[in-house]
C-alpha atoms as a PDB file:
ATOM      1  CA  UNK A   1       9.623  23.175  10.318  1.00  0.00           C
ATOM      2  CA  UNK A   2      10.209  26.969  10.006  1.00  0.00           C
ATOM      3  CA  UNK A   3      10.023  27.243  13.807  1.00  0.00           C
ATOM      4  CA  UNK A   4      12.592  24.486  14.222  1.00  0.00           C
ATOM      5  CA  UNK A   5      14.933  26.166  11.736  1.00  0.00           C
ATOM      6  CA  UNK A   6      14.532  29.483  13.557  1.00  0.00           C
ATOM      7  CA  UNK A   7      15.365  27.866  16.876  1.00  0.00           C
ATOM      8  CA  UNK A   8      18.436  26.216  15.373  1.00  0.00           C
ATOM      9  CA  UNK A   9      19.626  29.529  13.954  1.00  0.00           C
ATOM     10  CA  UNK A  10      19.099  31.262  17.285  1.00  0.00           C
ATOM     11  CA  UNK A  11      20.962  28.495  19.066  1.00  0.00           C
ATOM     12  CA  UNK A  12      23.886  28.834  16.678  1.00  0.00           C
ATOM     13  CA  UNK A  13      23.920  32.606  17.125  1.00  0.00           C
ATOM     14  CA  UNK A  14      23.937  32.470  20.921  1.00  0.00           C
ATOM     15  CA  UNK A  15      26.552  29.722  20.887  1.00  0.00           C
ATOM     16  CA  UNK A  16      28.776  31.894  18.697  1.00  0.00           C
ATOM     17  CA  UNK A  17      28.346  34.912  20.988  1.00  0.00           C
ATOM     18  CA  UNK A  18      29.169  32.799  24.045  1.00  0.00           C
ATOM     19  CA  UNK A  19      32.301  31.469  22.366  1.00  0.00           C
ATOM     20  CA  UNK A  20      33.519  34.888  21.317  1.00  0.00           C
ATOM     21  CA  UNK A  21      32.624  36.597  24.581  1.00  0.00           C
ATOM     22  CA  UNK A  22      31.541  40.162  25.135  1.00  0.00           C
ATOM     23  CA  UNK A  23      34.038  42.719  23.758  1.00  0.00           C
ATOM     24  CA  UNK A  24      35.471  45.180  26.279  1.00  0.00           C
ATOM     25  CA  UNK A  25      37.261  48.343  25.199  1.00  0.00           C
ATOM     26  CA  UNK A  26      40.104  49.376  27.509  1.00  0.00           C
ATOM     27  CA  UNK A  27      40.451  52.914  26.190  1.00  0.00           C
ATOM     28  CA  UNK A  28      39.084  54.472  29.376  1.00  0.00           C
ATOM     29  CA  UNK A  29      40.153  57.540  31.399  1.00  0.00           C
ATOM     30  CA  UNK A  30      43.721  57.358  32.690  1.00  0.00           C
ATOM     31  CA  UNK A  31      42.538  57.434  36.292  1.00  0.00           C
ATOM     32  CA  UNK A  32      41.097  53.923  35.779  1.00  0.00           C
ATOM     33  CA  UNK A  33      44.047  52.407  33.902  1.00  0.00           C
ATOM     34  CA  UNK A  34      47.402  52.504  35.653  1.00  0.00           C
ATOM     35  CA  UNK A  35      50.610  50.518  35.548  1.00  0.00           C
ATOM     36  CA  UNK A  36      52.903  51.141  38.508  1.00  0.00           C
ATOM     37  CA  UNK A  37      56.557  50.124  38.382  1.00  0.00           C
ATOM     38  CA  UNK A  38      59.051  49.743  41.180  1.00  0.00           C
ATOM     39  CA  UNK A  39      62.724  48.792  41.190  1.00  0.00           C
ATOM     40  CA  UNK A  40      65.328  48.631  43.956  1.00  0.00           C
ATOM     41  CA  UNK A  41      68.218  51.101  43.557  1.00  0.00           C
ATOM     42  CA  UNK A  42      71.357  52.116  45.400  1.00  0.00           C
ATOM     43  CA  UNK A  43      70.495  55.807  45.072  1.00  0.00           C
ATOM     44  CA  UNK A  44      67.729  58.117  46.215  1.00  0.00           C
ATOM     45  CA  UNK A  45      65.393  56.438  48.684  1.00  0.00           C
ATOM     46  CA  UNK A  46      66.608  53.021  47.595  1.00  0.00           C
ATOM     47  CA  UNK A  47      63.528  52.455  45.471  1.00  0.00           C
ATOM     48  CA  UNK A  48      62.726  53.973  42.091  1.00  0.00           C
ATOM     49  CA  UNK A  49      59.008  54.298  41.379  1.00  0.00           C
ATOM     50  CA  UNK A  50      57.093  55.262  38.281  1.00  0.00           C
ATOM     51  CA  UNK A  51      53.885  54.776  36.371  1.00  0.00           C
ATOM     52  CA  UNK A  52      52.481  54.300  32.907  1.00  0.00           C
ATOM     53  CA  UNK A  53      48.929  55.503  32.375  1.00  0.00           C
ATOM     54  CA  UNK A  54      46.476  54.767  29.644  1.00  0.00           C
ATOM     55  CA  UNK A  55      45.722  51.726  27.549  1.00  0.00           C
ATOM     56  CA  UNK A  56      43.979  50.832  24.335  1.00  0.00           C
ATOM     57  CA  UNK A  57      42.802  47.610  22.842  1.00  0.00           C
ATOM     58  CA  UNK A  58      39.961  45.154  23.187  1.00  0.00           C
ATOM     59  CA  UNK A  59      39.438  41.915  25.059  1.00  0.00           C
ATOM     60  CA  UNK A  60      36.665  39.381  24.426  1.00  0.00           C
ATOM     61  CA  UNK A  61      35.652  38.098  27.860  1.00  0.00           C
ATOM     62  CA  UNK A  62      33.027  35.436  28.494  1.00  0.00           C
ATOM     63  CA  UNK A  63      31.975  35.468  32.130  1.00  0.00           C
ATOM     64  CA  UNK A  64      30.660  31.911  32.008  1.00  0.00           C
ATOM     65  CA  UNK A  65      33.763  30.564  30.233  1.00  0.00           C
ATOM     66  CA  UNK A  66      36.599  33.016  30.887  1.00  0.00           C
ATOM     67  CA  UNK A  67      39.146  30.371  29.849  1.00  0.00           C
ATOM     68  CA  UNK A  68      38.457  31.241  26.208  1.00  0.00           C
ATOM     69  CA  UNK A  69      39.097  34.974  26.605  1.00  0.00           C
ATOM     70  CA  UNK A  70      41.401  36.661  24.112  1.00  0.00           C
ATOM     71  CA  UNK A  71      42.483  40.102  23.015  1.00  0.00           C
ATOM     72  CA  UNK A  72      45.251  42.631  22.587  1.00  0.00           C
ATOM     73  CA  UNK A  73      46.269  45.618  24.703  1.00  0.00           C
ATOM     74  CA  UNK A  74      48.705  48.349  23.692  1.00  0.00           C
ATOM     75  CA  UNK A  75      50.473  50.844  25.955  1.00  0.00           C
ATOM     76  CA  UNK A  76      52.488  53.915  24.943  1.00  0.00           C
ATOM     77  CA  UNK A  77      56.008  53.399  26.295  1.00  0.00           C
ATOM     78  CA  UNK A  78      56.739  57.072  25.678  1.00  0.00           C
ATOM     79  CA  UNK A  79      54.211  57.929  28.386  1.00  0.00           C
ATOM     80  CA  UNK A  80      56.138  56.293  31.212  1.00  0.00           C
ATOM     81  CA  UNK A  81      56.890  58.657  34.082  1.00  0.00           C
ATOM     82  CA  UNK A  82      59.578  57.946  36.676  1.00  0.00           C
ATOM     83  CA  UNK A  83      59.582  59.913  39.917  1.00  0.00           C
ATOM     84  CA  UNK A  84      63.297  60.706  39.718  1.00  0.00           C
ATOM     85  CA  UNK A  85      64.285  63.384  37.166  1.00  0.00           C
ATOM     86  CA  UNK A  86      67.538  61.881  35.869  1.00  0.00           C
ATOM     87  CA  UNK A  87      66.067  58.398  35.606  1.00  0.00           C
ATOM     88  CA  UNK A  88      63.077  59.831  33.736  1.00  0.00           C
ATOM     89  CA  UNK A  89      65.407  61.077  30.990  1.00  0.00           C
ATOM     90  CA  UNK A  90      67.572  57.934  30.939  1.00  0.00           C
ATOM     91  CA  UNK A  91      64.584  55.588  30.723  1.00  0.00           C
ATOM     92  CA  UNK A  92      63.803  56.640  27.145  1.00  0.00           C
ATOM     93  CA  UNK A  93      67.348  56.303  25.770  1.00  0.00           C
ATOM     94  CA  UNK A  94      68.465  53.456  23.504  1.00  0.00           C
ATOM     95  CA  UNK A  95      70.324  51.813  26.388  1.00  0.00           C
ATOM     96  CA  UNK A  96      67.165  51.424  28.425  1.00  0.00           C
ATOM     97  CA  UNK A  97      63.659  51.402  26.871  1.00  0.00           C
ATOM     98  CA  UNK A  98      64.581  53.045  23.540  1.00  0.00           C
ATOM     99  CA  UNK A  99      61.050  54.410  23.236  1.00  0.00           C
ATOM    100  CA  UNK A 100      61.846  56.218  19.986  1.00  0.00           C
ATOM    101  CA  UNK A 101      62.377  52.884  18.195  1.00  0.00           C
ATOM    102  CA  UNK A 102      59.937  50.891  20.313  1.00  0.00           C
ATOM    103  CA  UNK A 103      57.077  53.240  21.263  1.00  0.00           C
ATOM    104  CA  UNK A 104      54.637  50.437  22.098  1.00  0.00           C
ATOM    105  CA  UNK A 105      54.358  47.863  24.827  1.00  0.00           C
ATOM    106  CA  UNK A 106      52.035  45.104  23.624  1.00  0.00           C
ATOM    107  CA  UNK A 107      50.259  42.328  25.474  1.00  0.00           C
ATOM    108  CA  UNK A 108      48.429  39.567  23.601  1.00  0.00           C
ATOM    109  CA  UNK A 109      45.967  37.692  25.801  1.00  0.00           C
ATOM    110  CA  UNK A 110      45.702  34.045  24.783  1.00  0.00           C
ATOM    111  CA  UNK A 111      43.722  32.417  27.611  1.00  0.00           C
ATOM    112  CA  UNK A 112      42.816  32.457  31.279  1.00  0.00           C
ATOM    113  CA  UNK A 113      43.503  29.267  33.184  1.00  0.00           C
ATOM    114  CA  UNK A 114      42.919  27.854  36.687  1.00  0.00           C
ATOM    115  CA  UNK A 115      39.727  29.894  37.006  1.00  0.00           C
ATOM    116  CA  UNK A 116      38.295  30.176  40.528  1.00  0.00           C
ATOM    117  CA  UNK A 117      35.102  31.964  41.515  1.00  0.00           C
ATOM    118  CA  UNK A 118      34.304  33.507  44.864  1.00  0.00           C
ATOM    119  CA  UNK A 119      31.802  36.189  45.820  1.00  0.00           C
ATOM    120  CA  UNK A 120      31.841  38.886  43.157  1.00  0.00           C
ATOM    121  CA  UNK A 121      35.349  38.058  41.947  1.00  0.00           C
ATOM    122  CA  UNK A 122      36.985  35.689  39.525  1.00  0.00           C
ATOM    123  CA  UNK A 123      40.597  34.715  40.052  1.00  0.00           C
ATOM    124  CA  UNK A 124      42.809  32.956  37.584  1.00  0.00           C
ATOM    125  CA  UNK A 125      46.040  33.079  35.622  1.00  0.00           C
ATOM    126  CA  UNK A 126      46.349  35.212  32.516  1.00  0.00           C
ATOM    127  CA  UNK A 127      48.359  33.523  29.781  1.00  0.00           C
ATOM    128  CA  UNK A 128      49.784  35.683  27.034  1.00  0.00           C
ATOM    129  CA  UNK A 129      52.755  37.245  25.290  1.00  0.00           C
ATOM    130  CA  UNK A 130      54.333  40.484  26.496  1.00  0.00           C
ATOM    131  CA  UNK A 131      56.356  42.411  23.920  1.00  0.00           C
ATOM    132  CA  UNK A 132      58.648  45.049  25.379  1.00  0.00           C
ATOM    133  CA  UNK A 133      61.404  46.800  23.460  1.00  0.00           C
ATOM    134  CA  UNK A 134      60.530  44.615  20.514  1.00  0.00           C
ATOM    135  CA  UNK A 135      61.121  41.356  22.393  1.00  0.00           C
ATOM    136  CA  UNK A 136      58.200  38.958  22.908  1.00  0.00           C
ATOM    137  CA  UNK A 137      58.074  36.747  25.985  1.00  0.00           C
ATOM    138  CA  UNK A 138      55.415  34.306  27.168  1.00  0.00           C
ATOM    139  CA  UNK A 139      54.098  35.173  30.637  1.00  0.00           C
ATOM    140  CA  UNK A 140      51.629  33.729  33.138  1.00  0.00           C
ATOM    141  CA  UNK A 141      50.141  36.298  35.517  1.00  0.00           C
ATOM    142  CA  UNK A 142      47.945  35.789  38.585  1.00  0.00           C
ATOM    143  CA  UNK A 143      44.917  38.030  38.138  1.00  0.00           C
ATOM    144  CA  UNK A 144      41.692  39.145  39.735  1.00  0.00           C
ATOM    145  CA  UNK A 145      38.630  40.059  37.659  1.00  0.00           C
ATOM    146  CA  UNK A 146      35.432  41.806  38.653  1.00  0.00           C
ATOM    147  CA  UNK A 147      32.448  42.061  36.366  1.00  0.00           C
ATOM    148  CA  UNK A 148      30.122  45.012  36.968  1.00  0.00           C
ATOM    149  CA  UNK A 149      26.832  44.541  35.196  1.00  0.00           C
ATOM    150  CA  UNK A 150      25.471  47.887  33.892  1.00  0.00           C
ATOM    151  CA  UNK A 151      28.344  49.581  35.703  1.00  0.00           C
ATOM    152  CA  UNK A 152      29.306  51.763  32.750  1.00  0.00           C
ATOM    153  CA  UNK A 153      26.539  54.185  33.638  1.00  0.00           C
ATOM    154  CA  UNK A 154      28.665  55.451  36.528  1.00  0.00           C
ATOM    155  CA  UNK A 155      31.683  55.827  34.217  1.00  0.00           C
ATOM    156  CA  UNK A 156      30.331  57.937  31.355  1.00  0.00           C
ATOM    157  CA  UNK A 157      26.557  57.817  31.643  1.00  0.00           C
ATOM    158  CA  UNK A 158      26.140  55.236  28.896  1.00  0.00           C
ATOM    159  CA  UNK A 159      24.638  51.765  29.082  1.00  0.00           C
ATOM    160  CA  UNK A 160      27.083  48.873  29.278  1.00  0.00           C
ATOM    161  CA  UNK A 161      29.014  46.528  31.528  1.00  0.00           C
ATOM    162  CA  UNK A 162      32.451  47.035  33.088  1.00  0.00           C
ATOM    163  CA  UNK A 163      35.307  44.592  33.568  1.00  0.00           C
ATOM    164  CA  UNK A 164      38.099  45.381  36.007  1.00  0.00           C
ATOM    165  CA  UNK A 165      41.400  43.493  35.922  1.00  0.00           C
ATOM    166  CA  UNK A 166      44.173  43.548  38.496  1.00  0.00           C
ATOM    167  CA  UNK A 167      47.469  41.708  38.208  1.00  0.00           C
ATOM    168  CA  UNK A 168      51.090  41.838  39.326  1.00  0.00           C
ATOM    169  CA  UNK A 169      54.251  40.658  37.656  1.00  0.00           C
ATOM    170  CA  UNK A 170      58.004  40.810  37.935  1.00  0.00           C
ATOM    171  CA  UNK A 171      60.159  41.166  34.851  1.00  0.00           C
ATOM    172  CA  UNK A 172      63.900  40.904  34.439  1.00  0.00           C
ATOM    173  CA  UNK A 173      65.121  43.830  32.401  1.00  0.00           C
ATOM    174  CA  UNK A 174      67.843  41.636  30.914  1.00  0.00           C
ATOM    175  CA  UNK A 175      65.158  39.458  29.297  1.00  0.00           C
ATOM    176  CA  UNK A 176      63.932  42.454  27.307  1.00  0.00           C
ATOM    177  CA  UNK A 177      67.293  44.018  26.451  1.00  0.00           C
ATOM    178  CA  UNK A 178      66.829  46.872  28.936  1.00  0.00           C
ATOM    179  CA  UNK A 179      70.482  47.662  29.655  1.00  0.00           C
ATOM    180  CA  UNK A 180      71.169  43.950  30.180  1.00  0.00           C
ATOM    181  CA  UNK A 181      73.946  43.362  32.673  1.00  0.00           C
ATOM    182  CA  UNK A 182      74.523  47.098  33.047  1.00  0.00           C
ATOM    183  CA  UNK A 183      74.464  49.147  36.257  1.00  0.00           C
ATOM    184  CA  UNK A 184      73.380  46.148  38.326  1.00  0.00           C
ATOM    185  CA  UNK A 185      75.194  47.679  41.292  1.00  0.00           C
ATOM    186  CA  UNK A 186      72.803  50.653  41.064  1.00  0.00           C
ATOM    187  CA  UNK A 187      69.584  49.370  39.517  1.00  0.00           C
ATOM    188  CA  UNK A 188      68.168  45.910  40.223  1.00  0.00           C
ATOM    189  CA  UNK A 189      67.606  43.555  37.316  1.00  0.00           C
ATOM    190  CA  UNK A 190      64.151  42.799  38.710  1.00  0.00           C
ATOM    191  CA  UNK A 191      61.304  45.251  38.076  1.00  0.00           C
ATOM    192  CA  UNK A 192      58.017  44.872  39.960  1.00  0.00           C
ATOM    193  CA  UNK A 193      54.875  45.890  38.081  1.00  0.00           C
ATOM    194  CA  UNK A 194      51.314  46.352  39.369  1.00  0.00           C
ATOM    195  CA  UNK A 195      48.554  46.625  36.756  1.00  0.00           C
ATOM    196  CA  UNK A 196      45.012  47.969  37.203  1.00  0.00           C
ATOM    197  CA  UNK A 197      42.791  48.130  34.122  1.00  0.00           C
ATOM    198  CA  UNK A 198      39.151  48.861  33.424  1.00  0.00           C
ATOM    199  CA  UNK A 199      37.343  47.914  30.242  1.00  0.00           C
ATOM    200  CA  UNK A 200      33.844  48.926  29.149  1.00  0.00           C
ATOM    201  CA  UNK A 201      31.270  47.309  26.910  1.00  0.00           C
ATOM    202  CA  UNK A 202      28.391  48.912  25.019  1.00  0.00           C
ATOM    203  CA  UNK A 203      26.083  46.050  26.028  1.00  0.00           C
ATOM    204  CA  UNK A 204      24.437  44.900  29.252  1.00  0.00           C
ATOM    205  CA  UNK A 205      24.241  41.181  29.918  1.00  0.00           C
ATOM    206  CA  UNK A 206      20.925  39.637  30.936  1.00  0.00           C
ATOM    207  CA  UNK A 207      20.468  39.492  34.690  1.00  0.00           C
ATOM    208  CA  UNK A 208      21.298  35.930  35.704  1.00  0.00           C
ATOM    209  CA  UNK A 209      21.105  34.331  39.163  1.00  0.00           C
ATOM    210  CA  UNK A 210      24.720  34.897  40.150  1.00  0.00           C
ATOM    211  CA  UNK A 211      26.505  37.417  42.363  1.00  0.00           C
ATOM    212  CA  UNK A 212      28.983  37.933  39.558  1.00  0.00           C
ATOM    213  CA  UNK A 213      26.284  39.686  37.532  1.00  0.00           C
ATOM    214  CA  UNK A 214      25.210  41.997  40.342  1.00  0.00           C
ATOM    215  CA  UNK A 215      25.804  45.658  40.870  1.00  0.00           C
ATOM    216  CA  UNK A 216      29.118  46.660  42.540  1.00  0.00           C
END
């Protein structure tokens, strides 16, 4: 009987871990976490580019059941850098991003749907809520994930797994109160965003018979 109870407890424990997923911390060096923005303009080269580096937050990701993934990521809006001096100054004003009042860009991950596996990658759609300039909006983003078992060693010399995430989205600045309806003859309402993130865990998953668990 004691052995049966022990097995039941172990089963419950592992079931709970599988449901929660392995936690990944996305506070990694800026060179691994980048958000690139691009918008069509009538000035300069006809295209305004910029970037936002750095991220913090945690995501619980279960490689076997990524649909149940969840978490929260926070970005510092004050750290956005536009490669056009005047636009760099304007971007932080109350008319545009108003980063003094709204210093954070927040993304709440709620699920991953339409999961597809191929080779060493997982593709799917990230479902969550993006809050920009204090305005939340539900979004669905096509994404690519890569799980690197024991890959953290190459990052900072510590044991752990890595999870890379790549996605792209287009936002309408009017939806987030970013100078809605203003200067549309000079700056497009549509902003294209490319996101590359890397999260690390302090654990290494058991080696299972799947390419997804292999070394990069």
